[in-house]
């Protein structure tokens, strides 16, 4: 009815299934 909007932020977490620490960036 146009009486206002409430907002909030939310983060959906996830993890890398692998990583390669070889210094290539």
PDBML (XML) file of the C-alpha atoms, coordinates in Angstrom:
<?xml version="1.0" encoding="UTF-8" ?>
<PDBx:datablock datablockName="MODEL"
   xmlns:PDBx="http://pdbml.pdb.org/schema/pdbx-v50.xsd"
   xmlns:xsi="http://www.w3.org/2001/XMLSchema-instance"
   xsi:schemaLocation="http://pdbml.pdb.org/schema/pdbx-v50.xsd pdbx-v50.xsd">
   <PDBx:atom_siteCategory>
      <PDBx:atom_site id="1">
         <PDBx:B_iso_or_equiv>0.00</PDBx:B_iso_or_equiv>
         <PDBx:Cartn_x>0.000</PDBx:Cartn_x>
         <PDBx:Cartn_y>0.000</PDBx:Cartn_y>
         <PDBx:Cartn_z>0.000</PDBx:Cartn_z>
         <PDBx:auth_asym_id>A</PDBx:auth_asym_id>
         <PDBx:auth_atom_id>CA</PDBx:auth_atom_id>
         <PDBx:auth_comp_id>UNK</PDBx:auth_comp_id>
         <PDBx:auth_seq_id>1</PDBx:auth_seq_id>
         <PDBx:group_PDB>ATOM</PDBx:group_PDB>
         <PDBx:label_alt_id xsi:nil="true" />
         <PDBx:label_asym_id>A</PDBx:label_asym_id>
         <PDBx:label_atom_id>CA</PDBx:label_atom_id>
         <PDBx:label_comp_id>UNK</PDBx:label_comp_id>
         <PDBx:label_entity_id>1</PDBx:label_entity_id>
         <PDBx:label_seq_id>1</PDBx:label_seq_id>
         <PDBx:occupancy>1.00</PDBx:occupancy>
         <PDBx:pdbx_PDB_model_num>1</PDBx:pdbx_PDB_model_num>
         <PDBx:type_symbol>C</PDBx:type_symbol>
      </PDBx:atom_site>
      <PDBx:atom_site id="2">
         <PDBx:B_iso_or_equiv>0.00</PDBx:B_iso_or_equiv>
         <PDBx:Cartn_x>3.028</PDBx:Cartn_x>
         <PDBx:Cartn_y>2.252</PDBx:Cartn_y>
         <PDBx:Cartn_z>-0.332</PDBx:Cartn_z>
         <PDBx:auth_asym_id>A</PDBx:auth_asym_id>
         <PDBx:auth_atom_id>CA</PDBx:auth_atom_id>
         <PDBx:auth_comp_id>UNK</PDBx:auth_comp_id>
         <PDBx:auth_seq_id>2</PDBx:auth_seq_id>
         <PDBx:group_PDB>ATOM</PDBx:group_PDB>
         <PDBx:label_alt_id xsi:nil="true" />
         <PDBx:label_asym_id>A</PDBx:label_asym_id>
         <PDBx:label_atom_id>CA</PDBx:label_atom_id>
         <PDBx:label_comp_id>UNK</PDBx:label_comp_id>
         <PDBx:label_entity_id>1</PDBx:label_entity_id>
         <PDBx:label_seq_id>2</PDBx:label_seq_id>
         <PDBx:occupancy>1.00</PDBx:occupancy>
         <PDBx:pdbx_PDB_model_num>1</PDBx:pdbx_PDB_model_num>
         <PDBx:type_symbol>C</PDBx:type_symbol>
      </PDBx:atom_site>
      <PDBx:atom_site id="3">
         <PDBx:B_iso_or_equiv>0.00</PDBx:B_iso_or_equiv>
         <PDBx:Cartn_x>3.641</PDBx:Cartn_x>
         <PDBx:Cartn_y>2.668</PDBx:Cartn_y>
         <PDBx:Cartn_z>3.394</PDBx:Cartn_z>
         <PDBx:auth_asym_id>A</PDBx:auth_asym_id>
         <PDBx:auth_atom_id>CA</PDBx:auth_atom_id>
         <PDBx:auth_comp_id>UNK</PDBx:auth_comp_id>
         <PDBx:auth_seq_id>3</PDBx:auth_seq_id>
         <PDBx:group_PDB>ATOM</PDBx:group_PDB>
         <PDBx:label_alt_id xsi:nil="true" />
         <PDBx:label_asym_id>A</PDBx:label_asym_id>
         <PDBx:label_atom_id>CA</PDBx:label_atom_id>
         <PDBx:label_comp_id>UNK</PDBx:label_comp_id>
         <PDBx:label_entity_id>1</PDBx:label_entity_id>
         <PDBx:label_seq_id>3</PDBx:label_seq_id>
         <PDBx:occupancy>1.00</PDBx:occupancy>
         <PDBx:pdbx_PDB_model_num>1</PDBx:pdbx_PDB_model_num>
         <PDBx:type_symbol>C</PDBx:type_symbol>
      </PDBx:atom_site>
      <PDBx:atom_site id="4">
         <PDBx:B_iso_or_equiv>0.00</PDBx:B_iso_or_equiv>
         <PDBx:Cartn_x>7.383</PDBx:Cartn_x>
         <PDBx:Cartn_y>1.973</PDBx:Cartn_y>
         <PDBx:Cartn_z>3.202</PDBx:Cartn_z>
         <PDBx:auth_asym_id>A</PDBx:auth_asym_id>
         <PDBx:auth_atom_id>CA</PDBx:auth_atom_id>
         <PDBx:auth_comp_id>UNK</PDBx:auth_comp_id>
         <PDBx:auth_seq_id>4</PDBx:auth_seq_id>
         <PDBx:group_PDB>ATOM</PDBx:group_PDB>
         <PDBx:label_alt_id xsi:nil="true" />
         <PDBx:label_asym_id>A</PDBx:label_asym_id>
         <PDBx:label_atom_id>CA</PDBx:label_atom_id>
         <PDBx:label_comp_id>UNK</PDBx:label_comp_id>
         <PDBx:label_entity_id>1</PDBx:label_entity_id>
         <PDBx:label_seq_id>4</PDBx:label_seq_id>
         <PDBx:occupancy>1.00</PDBx:occupancy>
         <PDBx:pdbx_PDB_model_num>1</PDBx:pdbx_PDB_model_num>
         <PDBx:type_symbol>C</PDBx:type_symbol>
      </PDBx:atom_site>
      <PDBx:atom_site id="5">
         <PDBx:B_iso_or_equiv>0.00</PDBx:B_iso_or_equiv>
         <PDBx:Cartn_x>10.101</PDBx:Cartn_x>
         <PDBx:Cartn_y>-0.603</PDBx:Cartn_y>
         <PDBx:Cartn_z>2.519</PDBx:Cartn_z>
         <PDBx:auth_asym_id>A</PDBx:auth_asym_id>
         <PDBx:auth_atom_id>CA</PDBx:auth_atom_id>
         <PDBx:auth_comp_id>UNK</PDBx:auth_comp_id>
         <PDBx:auth_seq_id>5</PDBx:auth_seq_id>
         <PDBx:group_PDB>ATOM</PDBx:group_PDB>
         <PDBx:label_alt_id xsi:nil="true" />
         <PDBx:label_asym_id>A</PDBx:label_asym_id>
         <PDBx:label_atom_id>CA</PDBx:label_atom_id>
         <PDBx:label_comp_id>UNK</PDBx:label_comp_id>
         <PDBx:label_entity_id>1</PDBx:label_entity_id>
         <PDBx:label_seq_id>5</PDBx:label_seq_id>
         <PDBx:occupancy>1.00</PDBx:occupancy>
         <PDBx:pdbx_PDB_model_num>1</PDBx:pdbx_PDB_model_num>
         <PDBx:type_symbol>C</PDBx:type_symbol>
      </PDBx:atom_site>
      <PDBx:atom_site id="6">
         <PDBx:B_iso_or_equiv>0.00</PDBx:B_iso_or_equiv>
         <PDBx:Cartn_x>12.355</PDBx:Cartn_x>
         <PDBx:Cartn_y>-2.328</PDBx:Cartn_y>
         <PDBx:Cartn_z>5.047</PDBx:Cartn_z>
         <PDBx:auth_asym_id>A</PDBx:auth_asym_id>
         <PDBx:auth_atom_id>CA</PDBx:auth_atom_id>
         <PDBx:auth_comp_id>UNK</PDBx:auth_comp_id>
         <PDBx:auth_seq_id>6</PDBx:auth_seq_id>
         <PDBx:group_PDB>ATOM</PDBx:group_PDB>
         <PDBx:label_alt_id xsi:nil="true" />
         <PDBx:label_asym_id>A</PDBx:label_asym_id>
         <PDBx:label_atom_id>CA</PDBx:label_atom_id>
         <PDBx:label_comp_id>UNK</PDBx:label_comp_id>
         <PDBx:label_entity_id>1</PDBx:label_entity_id>
         <PDBx:label_seq_id>6</PDBx:label_seq_id>
         <PDBx:occupancy>1.00</PDBx:occupancy>
         <PDBx:pdbx_PDB_model_num>1</PDBx:pdbx_PDB_model_num>
         <PDBx:type_symbol>C</PDBx:type_symbol>
      </PDBx:atom_site>
      <PDBx:atom_site id="7">
         <PDBx:B_iso_or_equiv>0.00</PDBx:B_iso_or_equiv>
         <PDBx:Cartn_x>15.806</PDBx:Cartn_x>
         <PDBx:Cartn_y>-3.525</PDBx:Cartn_y>
         <PDBx:Cartn_z>3.902</PDBx:Cartn_z>
         <PDBx:auth_asym_id>A</PDBx:auth_asym_id>
         <PDBx:auth_atom_id>CA</PDBx:auth_atom_id>
         <PDBx:auth_comp_id>UNK</PDBx:auth_comp_id>
         <PDBx:auth_seq_id>7</PDBx:auth_seq_id>
         <PDBx:group_PDB>ATOM</PDBx:group_PDB>
         <PDBx:label_alt_id xsi:nil="true" />
         <PDBx:label_asym_id>A</PDBx:label_asym_id>
         <PDBx:label_atom_id>CA</PDBx:label_atom_id>
         <PDBx:label_comp_id>UNK</PDBx:label_comp_id>
         <PDBx:label_entity_id>1</PDBx:label_entity_id>
         <PDBx:label_seq_id>7</PDBx:label_seq_id>
         <PDBx:occupancy>1.00</PDBx:occupancy>
         <PDBx:pdbx_PDB_model_num>1</PDBx:pdbx_PDB_model_num>
         <PDBx:type_symbol>C</PDBx:type_symbol>
      </PDBx:atom_site>
      <PDBx:atom_site id="8">
         <PDBx:B_iso_or_equiv>0.00</PDBx:B_iso_or_equiv>
         <PDBx:Cartn_x>18.584</PDBx:Cartn_x>
         <PDBx:Cartn_y>-5.721</PDBx:Cartn_y>
         <PDBx:Cartn_z>5.233</PDBx:Cartn_z>
         <PDBx:auth_asym_id>A</PDBx:auth_asym_id>
         <PDBx:auth_atom_id>CA</PDBx:auth_atom_id>
         <PDBx:auth_comp_id>UNK</PDBx:auth_comp_id>
         <PDBx:auth_seq_id>8</PDBx:auth_seq_id>
         <PDBx:group_PDB>ATOM</PDBx:group_PDB>
         <PDBx:label_alt_id xsi:nil="true" />
         <PDBx:label_asym_id>A</PDBx:label_asym_id>
         <PDBx:label_atom_id>CA</PDBx:label_atom_id>
         <PDBx:label_comp_id>UNK</PDBx:label_comp_id>
         <PDBx:label_entity_id>1</PDBx:label_entity_id>
         <PDBx:label_seq_id>8</PDBx:label_seq_id>
         <PDBx:occupancy>1.00</PDBx:occupancy>
         <PDBx:pdbx_PDB_model_num>1</PDBx:pdbx_PDB_model_num>
         <PDBx:type_symbol>C</PDBx:type_symbol>
      </PDBx:atom_site>
      <PDBx:atom_site id="9">
         <PDBx:B_iso_or_equiv>0.00</PDBx:B_iso_or_equiv>
         <PDBx:Cartn_x>21.637</PDBx:Cartn_x>
         <PDBx:Cartn_y>-7.526</PDBx:Cartn_y>
         <PDBx:Cartn_z>3.896</PDBx:Cartn_z>
         <PDBx:auth_asym_id>A</PDBx:auth_asym_id>
         <PDBx:auth_atom_id>CA</PDBx:auth_atom_id>
         <PDBx:auth_comp_id>UNK</PDBx:auth_comp_id>
         <PDBx:auth_seq_id>9</PDBx:auth_seq_id>
         <PDBx:group_PDB>ATOM</PDBx:group_PDB>
         <PDBx:label_alt_id xsi:nil="true" />
         <PDBx:label_asym_id>A</PDBx:label_asym_id>
         <PDBx:label_atom_id>CA</PDBx:label_atom_id>
         <PDBx:label_comp_id>UNK</PDBx:label_comp_id>
         <PDBx:label_entity_id>1</PDBx:label_entity_id>
         <PDBx:label_seq_id>9</PDBx:label_seq_id>
         <PDBx:occupancy>1.00</PDBx:occupancy>
         <PDBx:pdbx_PDB_model_num>1</PDBx:pdbx_PDB_model_num>
         <PDBx:type_symbol>C</PDBx:type_symbol>
      </PDBx:atom_site>
      <PDBx:atom_site id="10">
         <PDBx:B_iso_or_equiv>0.00</PDBx:B_iso_or_equiv>
         <PDBx:Cartn_x>22.247</PDBx:Cartn_x>
         <PDBx:Cartn_y>-11.242</PDBx:Cartn_y>
         <PDBx:Cartn_z>4.061</PDBx:Cartn_z>
         <PDBx:auth_asym_id>A</PDBx:auth_asym_id>
         <PDBx:auth_atom_id>CA</PDBx:auth_atom_id>
         <PDBx:auth_comp_id>UNK</PDBx:auth_comp_id>
         <PDBx:auth_seq_id>10</PDBx:auth_seq_id>
         <PDBx:group_PDB>ATOM</PDBx:group_PDB>
         <PDBx:label_alt_id xsi:nil="true" />
         <PDBx:label_asym_id>A</PDBx:label_asym_id>
         <PDBx:label_atom_id>CA</PDBx:label_atom_id>
         <PDBx:label_comp_id>UNK</PDBx:label_comp_id>
         <PDBx:label_entity_id>1</PDBx:label_entity_id>
         <PDBx:label_seq_id>10</PDBx:label_seq_id>
         <PDBx:occupancy>1.00</PDBx:occupancy>
         <PDBx:pdbx_PDB_model_num>1</PDBx:pdbx_PDB_model_num>
         <PDBx:type_symbol>C</PDBx:type_symbol>
      </PDBx:atom_site>
      <PDBx:atom_site id="11">
         <PDBx:B_iso_or_equiv>0.00</PDBx:B_iso_or_equiv>
         <PDBx:Cartn_x>25.144</PDBx:Cartn_x>
         <PDBx:Cartn_y>-13.432</PDBx:Cartn_y>
         <PDBx:Cartn_z>2.916</PDBx:Cartn_z>
         <PDBx:auth_asym_id>A</PDBx:auth_asym_id>
         <PDBx:auth_atom_id>CA</PDBx:auth_atom_id>
         <PDBx:auth_comp_id>UNK</PDBx:auth_comp_id>
         <PDBx:auth_seq_id>11</PDBx:auth_seq_id>
         <PDBx:group_PDB>ATOM</PDBx:group_PDB>
         <PDBx:label_alt_id xsi:nil="true" />
         <PDBx:label_asym_id>A</PDBx:label_asym_id>
         <PDBx:label_atom_id>CA</PDBx:label_atom_id>
         <PDBx:label_comp_id>UNK</PDBx:label_comp_id>
         <PDBx:label_entity_id>1</PDBx:label_entity_id>
         <PDBx:label_seq_id>11</PDBx:label_seq_id>
         <PDBx:occupancy>1.00</PDBx:occupancy>
         <PDBx:pdbx_PDB_model_num>1</PDBx:pdbx_PDB_model_num>
         <PDBx:type_symbol>C</PDBx:type_symbol>
      </PDBx:atom_site>
      <PDBx:atom_site id="12">
         <PDBx:B_iso_or_equiv>0.00</PDBx:B_iso_or_equiv>
         <PDBx:Cartn_x>24.848</PDBx:Cartn_x>
         <PDBx:Cartn_y>-17.014</PDBx:Cartn_y>
         <PDBx:Cartn_z>1.795</PDBx:Cartn_z>
         <PDBx:auth_asym_id>A</PDBx:auth_asym_id>
         <PDBx:auth_atom_id>CA</PDBx:auth_atom_id>
         <PDBx:auth_comp_id>UNK</PDBx:auth_comp_id>
         <PDBx:auth_seq_id>12</PDBx:auth_seq_id>
         <PDBx:group_PDB>ATOM</PDBx:group_PDB>
         <PDBx:label_alt_id xsi:nil="true" />
         <PDBx:label_asym_id>A</PDBx:label_asym_id>
         <PDBx:label_atom_id>CA</PDBx:label_atom_id>
         <PDBx:label_comp_id>UNK</PDBx:label_comp_id>
         <PDBx:label_entity_id>1</PDBx:label_entity_id>
         <PDBx:label_seq_id>12</PDBx:label_seq_id>
         <PDBx:occupancy>1.00</PDBx:occupancy>
         <PDBx:pdbx_PDB_model_num>1</PDBx:pdbx_PDB_model_num>
         <PDBx:type_symbol>C</PDBx:type_symbol>
      </PDBx:atom_site>
      <PDBx:atom_site id="13">
         <PDBx:B_iso_or_equiv>0.00</PDBx:B_iso_or_equiv>
         <PDBx:Cartn_x>28.151</PDBx:Cartn_x>
         <PDBx:Cartn_y>-18.662</PDBx:Cartn_y>
         <PDBx:Cartn_z>2.690</PDBx:Cartn_z>
         <PDBx:auth_asym_id>A</PDBx:auth_asym_id>
         <PDBx:auth_atom_id>CA</PDBx:auth_atom_id>
         <PDBx:auth_comp_id>UNK</PDBx:auth_comp_id>
         <PDBx:auth_seq_id>13</PDBx:auth_seq_id>
         <PDBx:group_PDB>ATOM</PDBx:group_PDB>
         <PDBx:label_alt_id xsi:nil="true" />
         <PDBx:label_asym_id>A</PDBx:label_asym_id>
         <PDBx:label_atom_id>CA</PDBx:label_atom_id>
         <PDBx:label_comp_id>UNK</PDBx:label_comp_id>
         <PDBx:label_entity_id>1</PDBx:label_entity_id>
         <PDBx:label_seq_id>13</PDBx:label_seq_id>
         <PDBx:occupancy>1.00</PDBx:occupancy>
         <PDBx:pdbx_PDB_model_num>1</PDBx:pdbx_PDB_model_num>
         <PDBx:type_symbol>C</PDBx:type_symbol>
      </PDBx:atom_site>
      <PDBx:atom_site id="14">
         <PDBx:B_iso_or_equiv>0.00</PDBx:B_iso_or_equiv>
         <PDBx:Cartn_x>30.059</PDBx:Cartn_x>
         <PDBx:Cartn_y>-21.138</PDBx:Cartn_y>
         <PDBx:Cartn_z>0.559</PDBx:Cartn_z>
         <PDBx:auth_asym_id>A</PDBx:auth_asym_id>
         <PDBx:auth_atom_id>CA</PDBx:auth_atom_id>
         <PDBx:auth_comp_id>UNK</PDBx:auth_comp_id>
         <PDBx:auth_seq_id>14</PDBx:auth_seq_id>
         <PDBx:group_PDB>ATOM</PDBx:group_PDB>
         <PDBx:label_alt_id xsi:nil="true" />
         <PDBx:label_asym_id>A</PDBx:label_asym_id>
         <PDBx:label_atom_id>CA</PDBx:label_atom_id>
         <PDBx:label_comp_id>UNK</PDBx:label_comp_id>
         <PDBx:label_entity_id>1</PDBx:label_entity_id>
         <PDBx:label_seq_id>14</PDBx:label_seq_id>
         <PDBx:occupancy>1.00</PDBx:occupancy>
         <PDBx:pdbx_PDB_model_num>1</PDBx:pdbx_PDB_model_num>
         <PDBx:type_symbol>C</PDBx:type_symbol>
      </PDBx:atom_site>
      <PDBx:atom_site id="15">
         <PDBx:B_iso_or_equiv>0.00</PDBx:B_iso_or_equiv>
         <PDBx:Cartn_x>33.602</PDBx:Cartn_x>
         <PDBx:Cartn_y>-22.495</PDBx:Cartn_y>
         <PDBx:Cartn_z>0.561</PDBx:Cartn_z>
         <PDBx:auth_asym_id>A</PDBx:auth_asym_id>
         <PDBx:auth_atom_id>CA</PDBx:auth_atom_id>
         <PDBx:auth_comp_id>UNK</PDBx:auth_comp_id>
         <PDBx:auth_seq_id>15</PDBx:auth_seq_id>
         <PDBx:group_PDB>ATOM</PDBx:group_PDB>
         <PDBx:label_alt_id xsi:nil="true" />
         <PDBx:label_asym_id>A</PDBx:label_asym_id>
         <PDBx:label_atom_id>CA</PDBx:label_atom_id>
         <PDBx:label_comp_id>UNK</PDBx:label_comp_id>
         <PDBx:label_entity_id>1</PDBx:label_entity_id>
         <PDBx:label_seq_id>15</PDBx:label_seq_id>
         <PDBx:occupancy>1.00</PDBx:occupancy>
         <PDBx:pdbx_PDB_model_num>1</PDBx:pdbx_PDB_model_num>
         <PDBx:type_symbol>C</PDBx:type_symbol>
      </PDBx:atom_site>
      <PDBx:atom_site id="16">
         <PDBx:B_iso_or_equiv>0.00</PDBx:B_iso_or_equiv>
         <PDBx:Cartn_x>36.092</PDBx:Cartn_x>
         <PDBx:Cartn_y>-23.249</PDBx:Cartn_y>
         <PDBx:Cartn_z>-2.213</PDBx:Cartn_z>
         <PDBx:auth_asym_id>A</PDBx:auth_asym_id>
         <PDBx:auth_atom_id>CA</PDBx:auth_atom_id>
         <PDBx:auth_comp_id>UNK</PDBx:auth_comp_id>
         <PDBx:auth_seq_id>16</PDBx:auth_seq_id>
         <PDBx:group_PDB>ATOM</PDBx:group_PDB>
         <PDBx:label_alt_id xsi:nil="true" />
         <PDBx:label_asym_id>A</PDBx:label_asym_id>
         <PDBx:label_atom_id>CA</PDBx:label_atom_id>
         <PDBx:label_comp_id>UNK</PDBx:label_comp_id>
         <PDBx:label_entity_id>1</PDBx:label_entity_id>
         <PDBx:label_seq_id>16</PDBx:label_seq_id>
         <PDBx:occupancy>1.00</PDBx:occupancy>
         <PDBx:pdbx_PDB_model_num>1</PDBx:pdbx_PDB_model_num>
         <PDBx:type_symbol>C</PDBx:type_symbol>
      </PDBx:atom_site>
      <PDBx:atom_site id="17">
         <PDBx:B_iso_or_equiv>0.00</PDBx:B_iso_or_equiv>
         <PDBx:Cartn_x>36.262</PDBx:Cartn_x>
         <PDBx:Cartn_y>-26.984</PDBx:Cartn_y>
         <PDBx:Cartn_z>-2.811</PDBx:Cartn_z>
         <PDBx:auth_asym_id>A</PDBx:auth_asym_id>
         <PDBx:auth_atom_id>CA</PDBx:auth_atom_id>
         <PDBx:auth_comp_id>UNK</PDBx:auth_comp_id>
         <PDBx:auth_seq_id>17</PDBx:auth_seq_id>
         <PDBx:group_PDB>ATOM</PDBx:group_PDB>
         <PDBx:label_alt_id xsi:nil="true" />
         <PDBx:label_asym_id>A</PDBx:label_asym_id>
         <PDBx:label_atom_id>CA</PDBx:label_atom_id>
         <PDBx:label_comp_id>UNK</PDBx:label_comp_id>
         <PDBx:label_entity_id>1</PDBx:label_entity_id>
         <PDBx:label_seq_id>17</PDBx:label_seq_id>
         <PDBx:occupancy>1.00</PDBx:occupancy>
         <PDBx:pdbx_PDB_model_num>1</PDBx:pdbx_PDB_model_num>
         <PDBx:type_symbol>C</PDBx:type_symbol>
      </PDBx:atom_site>
      <PDBx:atom_site id="18">
         <PDBx:B_iso_or_equiv>0.00</PDBx:B_iso_or_equiv>
         <PDBx:Cartn_x>39.947</PDBx:Cartn_x>
         <PDBx:Cartn_y>-26.674</PDBx:Cartn_y>
         <PDBx:Cartn_z>-3.562</PDBx:Cartn_z>
         <PDBx:auth_asym_id>A</PDBx:auth_asym_id>
         <PDBx:auth_atom_id>CA</PDBx:auth_atom_id>
         <PDBx:auth_comp_id>UNK</PDBx:auth_comp_id>
         <PDBx:auth_seq_id>18</PDBx:auth_seq_id>
         <PDBx:group_PDB>ATOM</PDBx:group_PDB>
         <PDBx:label_alt_id xsi:nil="true" />
         <PDBx:label_asym_id>A</PDBx:label_asym_id>
         <PDBx:label_atom_id>CA</PDBx:label_atom_id>
         <PDBx:label_comp_id>UNK</PDBx:label_comp_id>
         <PDBx:label_entity_id>1</PDBx:label_entity_id>
         <PDBx:label_seq_id>18</PDBx:label_seq_id>
         <PDBx:occupancy>1.00</PDBx:occupancy>
         <PDBx:pdbx_PDB_model_num>1</PDBx:pdbx_PDB_model_num>
         <PDBx:type_symbol>C</PDBx:type_symbol>
      </PDBx:atom_site>
      <PDBx:atom_site id="19">
         <PDBx:B_iso_or_equiv>0.00</PDBx:B_iso_or_equiv>
         <PDBx:Cartn_x>42.775</PDBx:Cartn_x>
         <PDBx:Cartn_y>-24.149</PDBx:Cartn_y>
         <PDBx:Cartn_z>-3.689</PDBx:Cartn_z>
         <PDBx:auth_asym_id>A</PDBx:auth_asym_id>
         <PDBx:auth_atom_id>CA</PDBx:auth_atom_id>
         <PDBx:auth_comp_id>UNK</PDBx:auth_comp_id>
         <PDBx:auth_seq_id>19</PDBx:auth_seq_id>
         <PDBx:group_PDB>ATOM</PDBx:group_PDB>
         <PDBx:label_alt_id xsi:nil="true" />
         <PDBx:label_asym_id>A</PDBx:label_asym_id>
         <PDBx:label_atom_id>CA</PDBx:label_atom_id>
         <PDBx:label_comp_id>UNK</PDBx:label_comp_id>
         <PDBx:label_entity_id>1</PDBx:label_entity_id>
         <PDBx:label_seq_id>19</PDBx:label_seq_id>
         <PDBx:occupancy>1.00</PDBx:occupancy>
         <PDBx:pdbx_PDB_model_num>1</PDBx:pdbx_PDB_model_num>
         <PDBx:type_symbol>C</PDBx:type_symbol>
      </PDBx:atom_site>
      <PDBx:atom_site id="20">
         <PDBx:B_iso_or_equiv>0.00</PDBx:B_iso_or_equiv>
         <PDBx:Cartn_x>46.251</PDBx:Cartn_x>
         <PDBx:Cartn_y>-24.039</PDBx:Cartn_y>
         <PDBx:Cartn_z>-5.253</PDBx:Cartn_z>
         <PDBx:auth_asym_id>A</PDBx:auth_asym_id>
         <PDBx:auth_atom_id>CA</PDBx:auth_atom_id>
         <PDBx:auth_comp_id>UNK</PDBx:auth_comp_id>
         <PDBx:auth_seq_id>20</PDBx:auth_seq_id>
         <PDBx:group_PDB>ATOM</PDBx:group_PDB>
         <PDBx:label_alt_id xsi:nil="true" />
         <PDBx:label_asym_id>A</PDBx:label_asym_id>
         <PDBx:label_atom_id>CA</PDBx:label_atom_id>
         <PDBx:label_comp_id>UNK</PDBx:label_comp_id>
         <PDBx:label_entity_id>1</PDBx:label_entity_id>
         <PDBx:label_seq_id>20</PDBx:label_seq_id>
         <PDBx:occupancy>1.00</PDBx:occupancy>
         <PDBx:pdbx_PDB_model_num>1</PDBx:pdbx_PDB_model_num>
         <PDBx:type_symbol>C</PDBx:type_symbol>
      </PDBx:atom_site>
      <PDBx:atom_site id="21">
         <PDBx:B_iso_or_equiv>0.00</PDBx:B_iso_or_equiv>
         <PDBx:Cartn_x>48.754</PDBx:Cartn_x>
         <PDBx:Cartn_y>-22.023</PDBx:Cartn_y>
         <PDBx:Cartn_z>-3.184</PDBx:Cartn_z>
         <PDBx:auth_asym_id>A</PDBx:auth_asym_id>
         <PDBx:auth_atom_id>CA</PDBx:auth_atom_id>
         <PDBx:auth_comp_id>UNK</PDBx:auth_comp_id>
         <PDBx:auth_seq_id>21</PDBx:auth_seq_id>
         <PDBx:group_PDB>ATOM</PDBx:group_PDB>
         <PDBx:label_alt_id xsi:nil="true" />
         <PDBx:label_asym_id>A</PDBx:label_asym_id>
         <PDBx:label_atom_id>CA</PDBx:label_atom_id>
         <PDBx:label_comp_id>UNK</PDBx:label_comp_id>
         <PDBx:label_entity_id>1</PDBx:label_entity_id>
         <PDBx:label_seq_id>21</PDBx:label_seq_id>
         <PDBx:occupancy>1.00</PDBx:occupancy>
         <PDBx:pdbx_PDB_model_num>1</PDBx:pdbx_PDB_model_num>
         <PDBx:type_symbol>C</PDBx:type_symbol>
      </PDBx:atom_site>
      <PDBx:atom_site id="22">
         <PDBx:B_iso_or_equiv>0.00</PDBx:B_iso_or_equiv>
         <PDBx:Cartn_x>51.451</PDBx:Cartn_x>
         <PDBx:Cartn_y>-21.879</PDBx:Cartn_y>
         <PDBx:Cartn_z>-5.862</PDBx:Cartn_z>
         <PDBx:auth_asym_id>A</PDBx:auth_asym_id>
         <PDBx:auth_atom_id>CA</PDBx:auth_atom_id>
         <PDBx:auth_comp_id>UNK</PDBx:auth_comp_id>
         <PDBx:auth_seq_id>22</PDBx:auth_seq_id>
         <PDBx:group_PDB>ATOM</PDBx:group_PDB>
         <PDBx:label_alt_id xsi:nil="true" />
         <PDBx:label_asym_id>A</PDBx:label_asym_id>
         <PDBx:label_atom_id>CA</PDBx:label_atom_id>
         <PDBx:label_comp_id>UNK</PDBx:label_comp_id>
         <PDBx:label_entity_id>1</PDBx:label_entity_id>
         <PDBx:label_seq_id>22</PDBx:label_seq_id>
         <PDBx:occupancy>1.00</PDBx:occupancy>
         <PDBx:pdbx_PDB_model_num>1</PDBx:pdbx_PDB_model_num>
         <PDBx:type_symbol>C</PDBx:type_symbol>
      </PDBx:atom_site>
      <PDBx:atom_site id="23">
         <PDBx:B_iso_or_equiv>0.00</PDBx:B_iso_or_equiv>
         <PDBx:Cartn_x>51.906</PDBx:Cartn_x>
         <PDBx:Cartn_y>-18.111</PDBx:Cartn_y>
         <PDBx:Cartn_z>-6.012</PDBx:Cartn_z>
         <PDBx:auth_asym_id>A</PDBx:auth_asym_id>
         <PDBx:auth_atom_id>CA</PDBx:auth_atom_id>
         <PDBx:auth_comp_id>UNK</PDBx:auth_comp_id>
         <PDBx:auth_seq_id>23</PDBx:auth_seq_id>
         <PDBx:group_PDB>ATOM</PDBx:group_PDB>
         <PDBx:label_alt_id xsi:nil="true" />
         <PDBx:label_asym_id>A</PDBx:label_asym_id>
         <PDBx:label_atom_id>CA</PDBx:label_atom_id>
         <PDBx:label_comp_id>UNK</PDBx:label_comp_id>
         <PDBx:label_entity_id>1</PDBx:label_entity_id>
         <PDBx:label_seq_id>23</PDBx:label_seq_id>
         <PDBx:occupancy>1.00</PDBx:occupancy>
         <PDBx:pdbx_PDB_model_num>1</PDBx:pdbx_PDB_model_num>
         <PDBx:type_symbol>C</PDBx:type_symbol>
      </PDBx:atom_site>
      <PDBx:atom_site id="24">
         <PDBx:B_iso_or_equiv>0.00</PDBx:B_iso_or_equiv>
         <PDBx:Cartn_x>50.385</PDBx:Cartn_x>
         <PDBx:Cartn_y>-17.630</PDBx:Cartn_y>
         <PDBx:Cartn_z>-9.456</PDBx:Cartn_z>
         <PDBx:auth_asym_id>A</PDBx:auth_asym_id>
         <PDBx:auth_atom_id>CA</PDBx:auth_atom_id>
         <PDBx:auth_comp_id>UNK</PDBx:auth_comp_id>
         <PDBx:auth_seq_id>24</PDBx:auth_seq_id>
         <PDBx:group_PDB>ATOM</PDBx:group_PDB>
         <PDBx:label_alt_id xsi:nil="true" />
         <PDBx:label_asym_id>A</PDBx:label_asym_id>
         <PDBx:label_atom_id>CA</PDBx:label_atom_id>
         <PDBx:label_comp_id>UNK</PDBx:label_comp_id>
         <PDBx:label_entity_id>1</PDBx:label_entity_id>
         <PDBx:label_seq_id>24</PDBx:label_seq_id>
         <PDBx:occupancy>1.00</PDBx:occupancy>
         <PDBx:pdbx_PDB_model_num>1</PDBx:pdbx_PDB_model_num>
         <PDBx:type_symbol>C</PDBx:type_symbol>
      </PDBx:atom_site>
      <PDBx:atom_site id="25">
         <PDBx:B_iso_or_equiv>0.00</PDBx:B_iso_or_equiv>
         <PDBx:Cartn_x>47.751</PDBx:Cartn_x>
         <PDBx:Cartn_y>-15.236</PDBx:Cartn_y>
         <PDBx:Cartn_z>-8.115</PDBx:Cartn_z>
         <PDBx:auth_asym_id>A</PDBx:auth_asym_id>
         <PDBx:auth_atom_id>CA</PDBx:auth_atom_id>
         <PDBx:auth_comp_id>UNK</PDBx:auth_comp_id>
         <PDBx:auth_seq_id>25</PDBx:auth_seq_id>
         <PDBx:group_PDB>ATOM</PDBx:group_PDB>
         <PDBx:label_alt_id xsi:nil="true" />
         <PDBx:label_asym_id>A</PDBx:label_asym_id>
         <PDBx:label_atom_id>CA</PDBx:label_atom_id>
         <PDBx:label_comp_id>UNK</PDBx:label_comp_id>
         <PDBx:label_entity_id>1</PDBx:label_entity_id>
         <PDBx:label_seq_id>25</PDBx:label_seq_id>
         <PDBx:occupancy>1.00</PDBx:occupancy>
         <PDBx:pdbx_PDB_model_num>1</PDBx:pdbx_PDB_model_num>
         <PDBx:type_symbol>C</PDBx:type_symbol>
      </PDBx:atom_site>
   </PDBx:atom_siteCategory>
</PDBx:datablock>
